[in-house]
Amino acid sequence: MDSKVIEIHDSNYEQETNTGVTVVDFRADWCPPCKMMDPILKKLSTDEVLGSKVKFTSMNVDNDPQTAGALGVQGIPTFLIKKDGKIVSTMVGARPKDAFRAEIEKHLD
């Protein structure tokens, strides 16, 4: 199954993350922990349950630094979980798939 992780930018961050439950991955191409999380995000984005309830997005902080700066992102990867446009969880650093999934599931209705 193809990944459903959507690449977003400073210009469309608000539009892409203002409804429903959205995971935002602030990352960089040179970052080993970010690369380690790529297959986990891809797998969760195509998951039978999460794939239909959660929008997975990714923003490269080297190409689009304004949003990360405005939100105080200092380390990567940083993951935000937003629900209807409000940040409900922030996670910094790589983590196991099951722990990542559990944190997302806390915010589903």
PDB file of N, CA and C in Angstrom:
ATOM      1  N   MET A   1       0.829  -1.182   0.000  1.00  0.00           N
ATOM      2  CA  MET A   1       0.000   0.000   0.000  1.00  0.00           C
ATOM      3  C   MET A   1       0.876   1.249   0.000  1.00  0.00           C
ATOM      4  N   ASP A   2       0.489   2.266  -0.755  1.00  0.00           N
ATOM      5  CA  ASP A   2       1.253   3.501  -0.812  1.00  0.00           C
ATOM      6  C   ASP A   2       1.055   4.312   0.463  1.00  0.00           C
ATOM      7  N   SER A   3       2.097   5.046   0.819  1.00  0.00           N
ATOM      8  CA  SER A   3       2.032   5.912   1.987  1.00  0.00           C
ATOM      9  C   SER A   3       0.990   7.005   1.774  1.00  0.00           C
ATOM     10  N   LYS A   4       0.336   7.368   2.857  1.00  0.00           N
ATOM     11  CA  LYS A   4      -0.611   8.476   2.808  1.00  0.00           C
ATOM     12  C   LYS A   4      -0.082   9.655   3.615  1.00  0.00           C
ATOM     13  N   VAL A   5       1.237   9.750   3.774  1.00  0.00           N
ATOM     14  CA  VAL A   5       1.835  10.874   4.479  1.00  0.00           C
ATOM     15  C   VAL A   5       1.929  12.034   3.485  1.00  0.00           C
ATOM     16  N   ILE A   6       1.288  13.141   3.819  1.00  0.00           N
ATOM     17  CA  ILE A   6       1.210  14.296   2.926  1.00  0.00           C
ATOM     18  C   ILE A   6       2.298  15.294   3.290  1.00  0.00           C
ATOM     19  N   GLU A   7       3.088  15.704   2.307  1.00  0.00           N
ATOM     20  CA  GLU A   7       4.100  16.728   2.547  1.00  0.00           C
ATOM     21  C   GLU A   7       3.407  18.087   2.596  1.00  0.00           C
ATOM     22  N   ILE A   8       3.645  18.814   3.687  1.00  0.00           N
ATOM     23  CA  ILE A   8       3.047  20.142   3.822  1.00  0.00           C
ATOM     24  C   ILE A   8       4.156  21.183   3.955  1.00  0.00           C
ATOM     25  N   HIS A   9       3.762  22.457   3.878  1.00  0.00           N
ATOM     26  CA  HIS A   9       4.721  23.565   3.874  1.00  0.00           C
ATOM     27  C   HIS A   9       4.211  24.688   4.770  1.00  0.00           C
ATOM     28  N   ASP A  10       5.081  25.669   5.019  1.00  0.00           N
ATOM     29  CA  ASP A  10       4.661  26.832   5.799  1.00  0.00           C
ATOM     30  C   ASP A  10       3.383  27.432   5.212  1.00  0.00           C
ATOM     31  N   SER A  11       3.304  27.468   3.897  1.00  0.00           N
ATOM     32  CA  SER A  11       2.188  28.131   3.212  1.00  0.00           C
ATOM     33  C   SER A  11       0.839  27.436   3.399  1.00  0.00           C
ATOM     34  N   ASN A  12       0.836  26.128   3.663  1.00  0.00           N
ATOM     35  CA  ASN A  12      -0.454  25.431   3.796  1.00  0.00           C
ATOM     36  C   ASN A  12      -0.610  24.676   5.119  1.00  0.00           C
ATOM     37  N   TYR A  13       0.268  24.937   6.088  1.00  0.00           N
ATOM     38  CA  TYR A  13       0.223  24.240   7.373  1.00  0.00           C
ATOM     39  C   TYR A  13      -1.145  24.369   8.042  1.00  0.00           C
ATOM     40  N   GLU A  14      -1.635  25.586   8.209  1.00  0.00           N
ATOM     41  CA  GLU A  14      -2.912  25.788   8.904  1.00  0.00           C
ATOM     42  C   GLU A  14      -4.052  25.102   8.161  1.00  0.00           C
ATOM     43  N   GLN A  15      -4.094  25.276   6.863  1.00  0.00           N
ATOM     44  CA  GLN A  15      -5.163  24.690   6.047  1.00  0.00           C
ATOM     45  C   GLN A  15      -5.173  23.169   6.151  1.00  0.00           C
ATOM     46  N   GLU A  16      -3.992  22.554   6.145  1.00  0.00           N
ATOM     47  CA  GLU A  16      -3.892  21.094   6.147  1.00  0.00           C
ATOM     48  C   GLU A  16      -4.096  20.472   7.528  1.00  0.00           C
ATOM     49  N   THR A  17      -4.000  21.286   8.588  1.00  0.00           N
ATOM     50  CA  THR A  17      -4.036  20.706   9.938  1.00  0.00           C
ATOM     51  C   THR A  17      -5.160  21.265  10.807  1.00  0.00           C
ATOM     52  N   ASN A  18      -6.170  21.882  10.208  1.00  0.00           N
ATOM     53  CA  ASN A  18      -7.176  22.551  11.037  1.00  0.00           C
ATOM     54  C   ASN A  18      -8.449  21.753  11.287  1.00  0.00           C
ATOM     55  N   THR A  19      -8.596  20.569  10.695  1.00  0.00           N
ATOM     56  CA  THR A  19      -9.791  19.764  10.965  1.00  0.00           C
ATOM     57  C   THR A  19      -9.414  18.317  11.258  1.00  0.00           C
ATOM     58  N   GLY A  20     -10.195  17.700  12.117  1.00  0.00           N
ATOM     59  CA  GLY A  20      -9.963  16.299  12.451  1.00  0.00           C
ATOM     60  C   GLY A  20      -8.689  16.100  13.249  1.00  0.00           C
ATOM     61  N   VAL A  21      -8.232  14.855  13.312  1.00  0.00           N
ATOM     62  CA  VAL A  21      -6.988  14.513  14.006  1.00  0.00           C
ATOM     63  C   VAL A  21      -5.874  14.442  12.966  1.00  0.00           C
ATOM     64  N   THR A  22      -4.828  15.231  13.200  1.00  0.00           N
ATOM     65  CA  THR A  22      -3.706  15.311  12.268  1.00  0.00           C
ATOM     66  C   THR A  22      -2.404  15.107  13.022  1.00  0.00           C
ATOM     67  N   VAL A  23      -1.523  14.286  12.460  1.00  0.00           N
ATOM     68  CA  VAL A  23      -0.164  14.132  12.970  1.00  0.00           C
ATOM     69  C   VAL A  23       0.741  14.961  12.069  1.00  0.00           C
ATOM     70  N   VAL A  24       1.554  15.823  12.678  1.00  0.00           N
ATOM     71  CA  VAL A  24       2.517  16.623  11.928  1.00  0.00           C
ATOM     72  C   VAL A  24       3.912  16.168  12.331  1.00  0.00           C
ATOM     73  N   ASP A  25       4.685  15.739  11.351  1.00  0.00           N
ATOM     74  CA  ASP A  25       6.062  15.288  11.556  1.00  0.00           C
ATOM     75  C   ASP A  25       6.995  16.400  11.098  1.00  0.00           C
ATOM     76  N   PHE A  26       7.652  17.082  12.045  1.00  0.00           N
ATOM     77  CA  PHE A  26       8.675  18.067  11.700  1.00  0.00           C
ATOM     78  C   PHE A  26       9.986  17.311  11.593  1.00  0.00           C
ATOM     79  N   ARG A  27      10.619  17.365  10.424  1.00  0.00           N
ATOM     80  CA  ARG A  27      11.750  16.492  10.122  1.00  0.00           C
ATOM     81  C   ARG A  27      12.759  17.189   9.227  1.00  0.00           C
ATOM     82  N   ALA A  28      13.875  16.500   8.971  1.00  0.00           N
ATOM     83  CA  ALA A  28      14.873  16.934   7.992  1.00  0.00           C
ATOM     84  C   ALA A  28      15.430  15.688   7.314  1.00  0.00           C
ATOM     85  N   ASP A  29      15.833  15.846   6.058  1.00  0.00           N
ATOM     86  CA  ASP A  29      16.334  14.702   5.290  1.00  0.00           C
ATOM     87  C   ASP A  29      17.636  14.129   5.851  1.00  0.00           C
ATOM     88  N   TRP A  30      18.442  14.952   6.512  1.00  0.00           N
ATOM     89  CA  TRP A  30      19.743  14.522   7.017  1.00  0.00           C
ATOM     90  C   TRP A  30      19.661  13.876   8.401  1.00  0.00           C
ATOM     91  N   CYS A  31      18.483  13.825   8.992  1.00  0.00           N
ATOM     92  CA  CYS A  31      18.299  13.414  10.387  1.00  0.00           C
ATOM     93  C   CYS A  31      18.065  11.899  10.499  1.00  0.00           C
ATOM     94  N   PRO A  32      19.030  11.126  11.063  1.00  0.00           N
ATOM     95  CA  PRO A  32      18.844   9.672  11.177  1.00  0.00           C
ATOM     96  C   PRO A  32      17.594   9.248  11.958  1.00  0.00           C
ATOM     97  N   PRO A  33      17.265   9.861  13.120  1.00  0.00           N
ATOM     98  CA  PRO A  33      16.032   9.448  13.800  1.00  0.00           C
ATOM     99  C   PRO A  33      14.774   9.735  12.965  1.00  0.00           C
ATOM    100  N   CYS A  34      14.818  10.809  12.164  1.00  0.00           N
ATOM    101  CA  CYS A  34      13.679  11.114  11.283  1.00  0.00           C
ATOM    102  C   CYS A  34      13.507   9.999  10.259  1.00  0.00           C
ATOM    103  N   LYS A  35      14.620   9.577   9.674  1.00  0.00           N
ATOM    104  CA  LYS A  35      14.576   8.495   8.677  1.00  0.00           C
ATOM    105  C   LYS A  35      14.094   7.197   9.313  1.00  0.00           C
ATOM    106  N   MET A  36      14.460   6.988  10.570  1.00  0.00           N
ATOM    107  CA  MET A  36      14.036   5.788  11.281  1.00  0.00           C
ATOM    108  C   MET A  36      12.516   5.772  11.478  1.00  0.00           C
ATOM    109  N   MET A  37      11.915   6.943  11.611  1.00  0.00           N
ATOM    110  CA  MET A  37      10.470   7.040  11.822  1.00  0.00           C
ATOM    111  C   MET A  37       9.668   6.952  10.523  1.00  0.00           C
ATOM    112  N   ASP A  38      10.312   7.171   9.378  1.00  0.00           N
ATOM    113  CA  ASP A  38       9.596   7.160   8.092  1.00  0.00           C
ATOM    114  C   ASP A  38       8.755   5.907   7.882  1.00  0.00           C
ATOM    115  N   PRO A  39       9.329   4.700   8.036  1.00  0.00           N
ATOM    116  CA  PRO A  39       8.507   3.508   7.800  1.00  0.00           C
ATOM    117  C   PRO A  39       7.360   3.359   8.803  1.00  0.00           C
ATOM    118  N   ILE A  40       7.551   3.860  10.020  1.00  0.00           N
ATOM    119  CA  ILE A  40       6.487   3.793  11.025  1.00  0.00           C
ATOM    120  C   ILE A  40       5.332   4.698  10.614  1.00  0.00           C
ATOM    121  N   LEU A  41       5.646   5.922  10.191  1.00  0.00           N
ATOM    122  CA  LEU A  41       4.598   6.841   9.737  1.00  0.00           C
ATOM    123  C   LEU A  41       3.871   6.281   8.525  1.00  0.00           C
ATOM    124  N   LYS A  42       4.626   5.734   7.594  1.00  0.00           N
ATOM    125  CA  LYS A  42       4.012   5.166   6.387  1.00  0.00           C
ATOM    126  C   LYS A  42       3.074   4.022   6.748  1.00  0.00           C
ATOM    127  N   LYS A  43       3.531   3.168   7.652  1.00  0.00           N
ATOM    128  CA  LYS A  43       2.709   2.020   8.049  1.00  0.00           C
ATOM    129  C   LYS A  43       1.431   2.478   8.764  1.00  0.00           C
ATOM    130  N   LEU A  44       1.560   3.426   9.677  1.00  0.00           N
ATOM    131  CA  LEU A  44       0.387   3.920  10.398  1.00  0.00           C
ATOM    132  C   LEU A  44      -0.576   4.659   9.465  1.00  0.00           C
ATOM    133  N   SER A  45      -0.034   5.358   8.473  1.00  0.00           N
ATOM    134  CA  SER A  45      -0.891   6.124   7.555  1.00  0.00           C
ATOM    135  C   SER A  45      -1.731   5.222   6.666  1.00  0.00           C
ATOM    136  N   THR A  46      -1.307   3.980   6.497  1.00  0.00           N
ATOM    137  CA  THR A  46      -2.068   3.035   5.670  1.00  0.00           C
ATOM    138  C   THR A  46      -2.764   1.974   6.521  1.00  0.00           C
ATOM    139  N   ASP A  47      -2.702   2.140   7.835  1.00  0.00           N
ATOM    140  CA  ASP A  47      -3.353   1.213   8.758  1.00  0.00           C
ATOM    141  C   ASP A  47      -4.866   1.218   8.519  1.00  0.00           C
ATOM    142  N   GLU A  48      -5.477   0.043   8.650  1.00  0.00           N
ATOM    143  CA  GLU A  48      -6.916  -0.100   8.414  1.00  0.00           C
ATOM    144  C   GLU A  48      -7.752   0.871   9.240  1.00  0.00           C
ATOM    145  N   VAL A  49      -7.385   1.054  10.499  1.00  0.00           N
ATOM    146  CA  VAL A  49      -8.161   1.919  11.391  1.00  0.00           C
ATOM    147  C   VAL A  49      -7.646   3.358  11.352  1.00  0.00           C
ATOM    148  N   LEU A  50      -6.370   3.550  11.668  1.00  0.00           N
ATOM    149  CA  LEU A  50      -5.830   4.910  11.746  1.00  0.00           C
ATOM    150  C   LEU A  50      -5.844   5.619  10.401  1.00  0.00           C
ATOM    151  N   GLY A  51      -5.583   4.881   9.334  1.00  0.00           N
ATOM    152  CA  GLY A  51      -5.508   5.494   8.007  1.00  0.00           C
ATOM    153  C   GLY A  51      -6.766   6.224   7.598  1.00  0.00           C
ATOM    154  N   SER A  52      -7.904   5.790   8.113  1.00  0.00           N
ATOM    155  CA  SER A  52      -9.163   6.444   7.749  1.00  0.00           C
ATOM    156  C   SER A  52      -9.590   7.517   8.748  1.00  0.00           C
ATOM    157  N   LYS A  53      -8.945   7.559   9.914  1.00  0.00           N
ATOM    158  CA  LYS A  53      -9.360   8.495  10.961  1.00  0.00           C
ATOM    159  C   LYS A  53      -8.364   9.621  11.210  1.00  0.00           C
ATOM    160  N   VAL A  54      -7.136   9.443  10.739  1.00  0.00           N
ATOM    161  CA  VAL A  54      -6.064  10.381  11.055  1.00  0.00           C
ATOM    162  C   VAL A  54      -5.380  10.820   9.767  1.00  0.00           C
ATOM    163  N   LYS A  55      -5.077  12.116   9.681  1.00  0.00           N
ATOM    164  CA  LYS A  55      -4.299  12.635   8.556  1.00  0.00           C
ATOM    165  C   LYS A  55      -2.844  12.695   9.012  1.00  0.00           C
ATOM    166  N   PHE A  56      -1.955  12.120   8.230  1.00  0.00           N
ATOM    167  CA  PHE A  56      -0.525  12.124   8.536  1.00  0.00           C
ATOM    168  C   PHE A  56       0.171  13.105   7.605  1.00  0.00           C
ATOM    169  N   THR A  57       0.914  14.057   8.189  1.00  0.00           N
ATOM    170  CA  THR A  57       1.606  15.062   7.394  1.00  0.00           C
ATOM    171  C   THR A  57       3.068  15.145   7.811  1.00  0.00           C
ATOM    172  N   SER A  58       3.879  15.707   6.928  1.00  0.00           N
ATOM    173  CA  SER A  58       5.308  15.828   7.179  1.00  0.00           C
ATOM    174  C   SER A  58       5.787  17.180   6.662  1.00  0.00           C
ATOM    175  N   MET A  59       6.622  17.855   7.454  1.00  0.00           N
ATOM    176  CA  MET A  59       7.175  19.141   7.041  1.00  0.00           C
ATOM    177  C   MET A  59       8.689  19.132   7.225  1.00  0.00           C
ATOM    178  N   ASN A  60       9.421  19.429   6.159  1.00  0.00           N
ATOM    179  CA  ASN A  60      10.873  19.508   6.200  1.00  0.00           C
ATOM    180  C   ASN A  60      11.257  20.876   6.765  1.00  0.00           C
ATOM    181  N   VAL A  61      11.874  20.890   7.942  1.00  0.00           N
ATOM    182  CA  VAL A  61      12.181  22.152   8.617  1.00  0.00           C
ATOM    183  C   VAL A  61      13.290  22.935   7.924  1.00  0.00           C
ATOM    184  N   ASP A  62      14.097  22.271   7.105  1.00  0.00           N
ATOM    185  CA  ASP A  62      15.121  22.996   6.352  1.00  0.00           C
ATOM    186  C   ASP A  62      14.485  23.816   5.233  1.00  0.00           C
ATOM    187  N   ASN A  63      13.465  23.275   4.595  1.00  0.00           N
ATOM    188  CA  ASN A  63      12.785  23.965   3.498  1.00  0.00           C
ATOM    189  C   ASN A  63      11.718  24.930   3.998  1.00  0.00           C
ATOM    190  N   ASP A  64      11.107  24.612   5.122  1.00  0.00           N
ATOM    191  CA  ASP A  64       9.996  25.402   5.666  1.00  0.00           C
ATOM    192  C   ASP A  64      10.219  25.643   7.159  1.00  0.00           C
ATOM    193  N   PRO A  65      11.116  26.581   7.510  1.00  0.00           N
ATOM    194  CA  PRO A  65      11.463  26.766   8.923  1.00  0.00           C
ATOM    195  C   PRO A  65      10.494  27.637   9.728  1.00  0.00           C
ATOM    196  N   GLN A  66       9.630  28.406   9.070  1.00  0.00           N
ATOM    197  CA  GLN A  66       8.811  29.387   9.792  1.00  0.00           C
ATOM    198  C   GLN A  66       7.826  28.755  10.765  1.00  0.00           C
ATOM    199  N   THR A  67       7.110  27.742  10.329  1.00  0.00           N
ATOM    200  CA  THR A  67       6.105  27.120  11.198  1.00  0.00           C
ATOM    201  C   THR A  67       6.772  26.470  12.405  1.00  0.00           C
ATOM    202  N   ALA A  68       7.833  25.719  12.156  1.00  0.00           N
ATOM    203  CA  ALA A  68       8.550  25.064  13.256  1.00  0.00           C
ATOM    204  C   ALA A  68       9.061  26.104  14.247  1.00  0.00           C
ATOM    205  N   GLY A  69       9.612  27.199  13.741  1.00  0.00           N
ATOM    206  CA  GLY A  69      10.106  28.262  14.605  1.00  0.00           C
ATOM    207  C   GLY A  69       8.999  28.899  15.423  1.00  0.00           C
ATOM    208  N   ALA A  70       7.876  29.171  14.781  1.00  0.00           N
ATOM    209  CA  ALA A  70       6.745  29.799  15.470  1.00  0.00           C
ATOM    210  C   ALA A  70       6.172  28.900  16.559  1.00  0.00           C
ATOM    211  N   LEU A  71       6.267  27.585  16.349  1.00  0.00           N
ATOM    212  CA  LEU A  71       5.735  26.631  17.327  1.00  0.00           C
ATOM    213  C   LEU A  71       6.767  26.221  18.376  1.00  0.00           C
ATOM    214  N   GLY A  72       7.987  26.738  18.265  1.00  0.00           N
ATOM    215  CA  GLY A  72       9.027  26.430  19.242  1.00  0.00           C
ATOM    216  C   GLY A  72       9.655  25.061  19.079  1.00  0.00           C
ATOM    217  N   VAL A  73       9.581  24.493  17.877  1.00  0.00           N
ATOM    218  CA  VAL A  73      10.206  23.192  17.625  1.00  0.00           C
ATOM    219  C   VAL A  73      11.717  23.385  17.656  1.00  0.00           C
ATOM    220  N   GLN A  74      12.395  22.676  18.566  1.00  0.00           N
ATOM    221  CA  GLN A  74      13.838  22.831  18.709  1.00  0.00           C
ATOM    222  C   GLN A  74      14.605  21.573  18.353  1.00  0.00           C
ATOM    223  N   GLY A  75      13.974  20.423  18.446  1.00  0.00           N
ATOM    224  CA  GLY A  75      14.629  19.164  18.114  1.00  0.00           C
ATOM    225  C   GLY A  75      13.797  18.414  17.095  1.00  0.00           C
ATOM    226  N   ILE A  76      14.474  17.614  16.295  1.00  0.00           N
ATOM    227  CA  ILE A  76      13.737  16.807  15.319  1.00  0.00           C
ATOM    228  C   ILE A  76      14.142  15.349  15.463  1.00  0.00           C
ATOM    229  N   PRO A  77      13.245  14.446  15.192  1.00  0.00           N
ATOM    230  CA  PRO A  77      11.877  14.725  14.796  1.00  0.00           C
ATOM    231  C   PRO A  77      11.029  15.201  15.981  1.00  0.00           C
ATOM    232  N   THR A  78      10.122  16.113  15.687  1.00  0.00           N
ATOM    233  CA  THR A  78       9.077  16.504  16.631  1.00  0.00           C
ATOM    234  C   THR A  78       7.748  16.191  15.976  1.00  0.00           C
ATOM    235  N   PHE A  79       6.878  15.562  16.731  1.00  0.00           N
ATOM    236  CA  PHE A  79       5.557  15.187  16.224  1.00  0.00           C
ATOM    237  C   PHE A  79       4.497  15.932  17.020  1.00  0.00           C
ATOM    238  N   LEU A  80       3.620  16.599  16.309  1.00  0.00           N
ATOM    239  CA  LEU A  80       2.459  17.215  16.940  1.00  0.00           C
ATOM    240  C   LEU A  80       1.244  16.391  16.582  1.00  0.00           C
ATOM    241  N   ILE A  81       0.352  16.250  17.527  1.00  0.00           N
ATOM    242  CA  ILE A  81      -0.970  15.713  17.217  1.00  0.00           C
ATOM    243  C   ILE A  81      -1.923  16.880  17.421  1.00  0.00           C
ATOM    244  N   LYS A  82      -2.677  17.185  16.364  1.00  0.00           N
ATOM    245  CA  LYS A  82      -3.643  18.272  16.422  1.00  0.00           C
ATOM    246  C   LYS A  82      -5.045  17.695  16.277  1.00  0.00           C
ATOM    247  N   LYS A  83      -5.956  18.261  17.023  1.00  0.00           N
ATOM    248  CA  LYS A  83      -7.362  17.861  16.911  1.00  0.00           C
ATOM    249  C   LYS A  83      -8.167  19.126  16.645  1.00  0.00           C
ATOM    250  N   ASP A  84      -8.802  19.156  15.497  1.00  0.00           N
ATOM    251  CA  ASP A  84      -9.575  20.325  15.070  1.00  0.00           C
ATOM    252  C   ASP A  84      -8.772  21.615  15.205  1.00  0.00           C
ATOM    253  N   GLY A  85      -7.505  21.558  14.790  1.00  0.00           N
ATOM    254  CA  GLY A  85      -6.652  22.739  14.752  1.00  0.00           C
ATOM    255  C   GLY A  85      -5.914  23.066  16.028  1.00  0.00           C
ATOM    256  N   LYS A  86      -6.201  22.362  17.117  1.00  0.00           N
ATOM    257  CA  LYS A  86      -5.532  22.623  18.395  1.00  0.00           C
ATOM    258  C   LYS A  86      -4.505  21.530  18.678  1.00  0.00           C
ATOM    259  N   ILE A  87      -3.325  21.933  19.136  1.00  0.00           N
ATOM    260  CA  ILE A  87      -2.287  20.961  19.492  1.00  0.00           C
ATOM    261  C   ILE A  87      -2.705  20.265  20.782  1.00  0.00           C
ATOM    262  N   VAL A  88      -2.816  18.937  20.726  1.00  0.00           N
ATOM    263  CA  VAL A  88      -3.223  18.170  21.908  1.00  0.00           C
ATOM    264  C   VAL A  88      -2.088  17.295  22.444  1.00  0.00           C
ATOM    265  N   SER A  89      -1.010  17.152  21.664  1.00  0.00           N
ATOM    266  CA  SER A  89       0.125  16.345  22.117  1.00  0.00           C
ATOM    267  C   SER A  89       1.368  16.735  21.330  1.00  0.00           C
ATOM    268  N   THR A  90       2.505  16.735  22.011  1.00  0.00           N
ATOM    269  CA  THR A  90       3.801  16.980  21.375  1.00  0.00           C
ATOM    270  C   THR A  90       4.749  15.874  21.805  1.00  0.00           C
ATOM    271  N   MET A  91       5.408  15.276  20.829  1.00  0.00           N
ATOM    272  CA  MET A  91       6.389  14.225  21.113  1.00  0.00           C
ATOM    273  C   MET A  91       7.688  14.591  20.405  1.00  0.00           C
ATOM    274  N   VAL A  92       8.791  14.549  21.136  1.00  0.00           N
ATOM    275  CA  VAL A  92      10.089  14.854  20.551  1.00  0.00           C
ATOM    276  C   VAL A  92      10.922  13.586  20.530  1.00  0.00           C
ATOM    277  N   GLY A  93      11.476  13.269  19.368  1.00  0.00           N
ATOM    278  CA  GLY A  93      12.341  12.106  19.230  1.00  0.00           C
ATOM    279  C   GLY A  93      11.619  10.891  18.684  1.00  0.00           C
ATOM    280  N   ALA A  94      12.427   9.954  18.219  1.00  0.00           N
ATOM    281  CA  ALA A  94      11.897   8.705  17.668  1.00  0.00           C
ATOM    282  C   ALA A  94      11.302   7.865  18.788  1.00  0.00           C
ATOM    283  N   ARG A  95      10.318   7.055  18.429  1.00  0.00           N
ATOM    284  CA  ARG A  95       9.689   6.169  19.413  1.00  0.00           C
ATOM    285  C   ARG A  95       9.165   4.925  18.728  1.00  0.00           C
ATOM    286  N   PRO A  96       8.937   3.862  19.477  1.00  0.00           N
ATOM    287  CA  PRO A  96       8.414   2.627  18.891  1.00  0.00           C
ATOM    288  C   PRO A  96       7.015   2.838  18.313  1.00  0.00           C
ATOM    289  N   LYS A  97       6.693   2.051  17.298  1.00  0.00           N
ATOM    290  CA  LYS A  97       5.402   2.172  16.616  1.00  0.00           C
ATOM    291  C   LYS A  97       4.236   2.044  17.589  1.00  0.00           C
ATOM    292  N   ASP A  98       4.284   1.080  18.488  1.00  0.00           N
ATOM    293  CA  ASP A  98       3.160   0.855  19.403  1.00  0.00           C
ATOM    294  C   ASP A  98       2.931   2.049  20.331  1.00  0.00           C
ATOM    295  N   ALA A  99       4.010   2.663  20.810  1.00  0.00           N
ATOM    296  CA  ALA A  99       3.889   3.834  21.681  1.00  0.00           C
ATOM    297  C   ALA A  99       3.344   5.027  20.896  1.00  0.00           C
ATOM    298  N   PHE A 100       3.802   5.178  19.671  1.00  0.00           N
ATOM    299  CA  PHE A 100       3.344   6.267  18.809  1.00  0.00           C
ATOM    300  C   PHE A 100       1.855   6.104  18.513  1.00  0.00           C
ATOM    301  N   ARG A 101       1.474   4.888  18.164  1.00  0.00           N
ATOM    302  CA  ARG A 101       0.070   4.585  17.865  1.00  0.00           C
ATOM    303  C   ARG A 101      -0.823   4.849  19.085  1.00  0.00           C
ATOM    304  N   ALA A 102      -0.375   4.419  20.258  1.00  0.00           N
ATOM    305  CA  ALA A 102      -1.158   4.601  21.487  1.00  0.00           C
ATOM    306  C   ALA A 102      -1.394   6.084  21.768  1.00  0.00           C
ATOM    307  N   GLU A 103      -0.384   6.902  21.542  1.00  0.00           N
ATOM    308  CA  GLU A 103      -0.535   8.344  21.770  1.00  0.00           C
ATOM    309  C   GLU A 103      -1.554   8.940  20.798  1.00  0.00           C
ATOM    310  N   ILE A 104      -1.529   8.512  19.556  1.00  0.00           N
ATOM    311  CA  ILE A 104      -2.501   8.993  18.566  1.00  0.00           C
ATOM    312  C   ILE A 104      -3.911   8.556  18.957  1.00  0.00           C
ATOM    313  N   GLU A 105      -4.050   7.293  19.340  1.00  0.00           N
ATOM    314  CA  GLU A 105      -5.378   6.740  19.651  1.00  0.00           C
ATOM    315  C   GLU A 105      -6.053   7.444  20.826  1.00  0.00           C
ATOM    316  N   LYS A 106      -5.263   8.032  21.735  1.00  0.00           N
ATOM    317  CA  LYS A 106      -5.826   8.768  22.871  1.00  0.00           C
ATOM    318  C   LYS A 106      -6.718   9.917  22.410  1.00  0.00           C
ATOM    319  N   HIS A 107      -6.474  10.410  21.210  1.00  0.00           N
ATOM    320  CA  HIS A 107      -7.153  11.618  20.745  1.00  0.00           C
ATOM    321  C   HIS A 107      -8.244  11.342  19.720  1.00  0.00           C
ATOM    322  N   LEU A 108      -8.544  10.072  19.503  1.00  0.00           N
ATOM    323  CA  LEU A 108      -9.635   9.716  18.594  1.00  0.00           C
ATOM    324  C   LEU A 108     -10.938   9.644  19.370  1.00  0.00           C
ATOM    325  N   ASP A 109     -12.026  10.021  18.737  1.00  0.00           N
ATOM    326  CA  ASP A 109     -13.345   9.959  19.389  1.00  0.00           C
ATOM    327  C   ASP A 109     -13.867   8.541  19.397  1.00  0.00           C
TER     328      ASP A 109
END
